[in-house]
C-alpha cells in the first residue's frame, strides 16, 4: 500500500523512502532537500507546472520543500 502525503504550498515534508513521486503542481517549483529539516539545498533547477516529478536515489527520512509551489500536491511513496 502506497503512502500519500498532501503538501500545501511550500510546507516542509518528510519522506521515509529513497524514491517518490510528486503530483503535478499548478505553478511549478524548485525541489529542496535537507537532512535536518532546517538547512535546505536545491535538488533540481525547477519543475514546470503540470509535470509529475519523480525522485530516485534520495535517502529515506530526508526533508523536502517545494519552493514556489502554490496549491496542493500529493507525494506518493
C-alpha atoms as a PDB file:
ATOM      1  CA  UNK A   1       0.000   0.000   0.000  1.00  0.00           C
ATOM      2  CA  UNK A   2       1.412   3.375  -1.024  1.00  0.00           C
ATOM      3  CA  UNK A   3       1.837   6.199   1.443  1.00  0.00           C
ATOM      4  CA  UNK A   4       0.497   9.603   0.359  1.00  0.00           C
ATOM      5  CA  UNK A   5       1.293  12.997   1.841  1.00  0.00           C
ATOM      6  CA  UNK A   6      -0.724  16.114   0.986  1.00  0.00           C
ATOM      7  CA  UNK A   7       1.589  19.123   0.651  1.00  0.00           C
ATOM      8  CA  UNK A   8       0.095  22.600   0.544  1.00  0.00           C
ATOM      9  CA  UNK A   9       2.131  25.477  -0.899  1.00  0.00           C
ATOM     10  CA  UNK A  10       5.733  25.424   0.399  1.00  0.00           C
ATOM     11  CA  UNK A  11       5.129  23.317   3.538  1.00  0.00           C
ATOM     12  CA  UNK A  12       8.061  21.138   4.580  1.00  0.00           C
ATOM     13  CA  UNK A  13       7.506  17.374   4.456  1.00  0.00           C
ATOM     14  CA  UNK A  14       9.492  14.230   5.246  1.00  0.00           C
ATOM     15  CA  UNK A  15       9.692  11.135   3.036  1.00  0.00           C
ATOM     16  CA  UNK A  16      10.673   7.824   4.594  1.00  0.00           C
ATOM     17  CA  UNK A  17      11.700   6.226   1.305  1.00  0.00           C
ATOM     18  CA  UNK A  18      14.506   6.804  -1.224  1.00  0.00           C
ATOM     19  CA  UNK A  19      12.124   7.060  -4.203  1.00  0.00           C
ATOM     20  CA  UNK A  20       8.902   9.048  -4.511  1.00  0.00           C
ATOM     21  CA  UNK A  21       6.685  10.972  -6.925  1.00  0.00           C
ATOM     22  CA  UNK A  22       5.140  14.427  -6.626  1.00  0.00           C
ATOM     23  CA  UNK A  23       1.884  15.055  -8.475  1.00  0.00           C
ATOM     24  CA  UNK A  24       1.805  17.965 -10.939  1.00  0.00           C
ATOM     25  CA  UNK A  25       1.576  21.457  -9.474  1.00  0.00           C
ATOM     26  CA  UNK A  26      -0.286  24.425 -10.902  1.00  0.00           C
ATOM     27  CA  UNK A  27       2.759  26.718 -10.717  1.00  0.00           C
ATOM     28  CA  UNK A  28       5.913  24.604 -10.846  1.00  0.00           C
ATOM     29  CA  UNK A  29       8.602  24.721  -8.153  1.00  0.00           C
ATOM     30  CA  UNK A  30      12.205  24.064  -7.190  1.00  0.00           C
ATOM     31  CA  UNK A  31      12.592  20.967  -5.009  1.00  0.00           C
ATOM     32  CA  UNK A  32      14.833  21.470  -1.964  1.00  0.00           C
ATOM     33  CA  UNK A  33      16.131  18.770   0.408  1.00  0.00           C
ATOM     34  CA  UNK A  34      17.582  18.653   3.928  1.00  0.00           C
ATOM     35  CA  UNK A  35      18.885  16.047   6.337  1.00  0.00           C
ATOM     36  CA  UNK A  36      17.929  18.072   9.417  1.00  0.00           C
ATOM     37  CA  UNK A  37      14.786  19.891   8.227  1.00  0.00           C
ATOM     38  CA  UNK A  38      16.439  23.285   8.786  1.00  0.00           C
ATOM     39  CA  UNK A  39      19.247  23.751   6.241  1.00  0.00           C
ATOM     40  CA  UNK A  40      17.974  23.141   2.685  1.00  0.00           C
ATOM     41  CA  UNK A  41      19.726  22.772  -0.683  1.00  0.00           C
ATOM     42  CA  UNK A  42      18.156  22.811  -4.158  1.00  0.00           C
ATOM     43  CA  UNK A  43      17.776  19.282  -5.603  1.00  0.00           C
ATOM     44  CA  UNK A  44      16.596  20.405  -9.048  1.00  0.00           C
ATOM     45  CA  UNK A  45      16.779  23.505 -11.214  1.00  0.00           C
ATOM     46  CA  UNK A  46      12.998  23.516 -11.404  1.00  0.00           C
ATOM     47  CA  UNK A  47       9.929  21.516 -12.327  1.00  0.00           C
ATOM     48  CA  UNK A  48       7.424  23.044 -14.708  1.00  0.00           C
ATOM     49  CA  UNK A  49       3.728  23.380 -13.937  1.00  0.00           C
ATOM     50  CA  UNK A  50       1.705  20.310 -14.862  1.00  0.00           C
ATOM     51  CA  UNK A  51       4.654  17.878 -14.741  1.00  0.00           C
ATOM     52  CA  UNK A  52       4.950  14.898 -12.382  1.00  0.00           C
ATOM     53  CA  UNK A  53       8.289  14.949 -10.535  1.00  0.00           C
ATOM     54  CA  UNK A  54       9.904  11.561  -9.834  1.00  0.00           C
ATOM     55  CA  UNK A  55      12.733  11.493  -7.293  1.00  0.00           C
ATOM     56  CA  UNK A  56      15.052   8.494  -7.290  1.00  0.00           C
ATOM     57  CA  UNK A  57      18.090   7.789  -5.154  1.00  0.00           C
ATOM     58  CA  UNK A  58      17.163  10.066  -2.280  1.00  0.00           C
ATOM     59  CA  UNK A  59      17.741   8.974   1.300  1.00  0.00           C
ATOM     60  CA  UNK A  60      14.924   7.668   3.463  1.00  0.00           C
ATOM     61  CA  UNK A  61      13.996  10.185   6.143  1.00  0.00           C
ATOM     62  CA  UNK A  62      15.030  13.306   4.230  1.00  0.00           C
ATOM     63  CA  UNK A  63      13.041  16.544   4.491  1.00  0.00           C
ATOM     64  CA  UNK A  64      11.866  18.450   1.426  1.00  0.00           C
ATOM     65  CA  UNK A  65      10.007  21.573   0.396  1.00  0.00           C
ATOM     66  CA  UNK A  66       8.753  22.908  -2.929  1.00  0.00           C
ATOM     67  CA  UNK A  67       9.991  26.468  -3.380  1.00  0.00           C
ATOM     68  CA  UNK A  68       7.451  28.380  -5.473  1.00  0.00           C
ATOM     69  CA  UNK A  69       4.640  25.817  -5.192  1.00  0.00           C
ATOM     70  CA  UNK A  70       1.186  27.349  -4.856  1.00  0.00           C
ATOM     71  CA  UNK A  71      -1.671  24.989  -4.133  1.00  0.00           C
ATOM     72  CA  UNK A  72      -1.783  21.319  -3.242  1.00  0.00           C
ATOM     73  CA  UNK A  73       0.282  18.384  -4.499  1.00  0.00           C
ATOM     74  CA  UNK A  74       0.396  14.750  -3.418  1.00  0.00           C
ATOM     75  CA  UNK A  75       3.668  12.987  -2.613  1.00  0.00           C
ATOM     76  CA  UNK A  76       3.446   9.217  -3.085  1.00  0.00           C
ATOM     77  CA  UNK A  77       5.963   6.600  -1.960  1.00  0.00           C
END
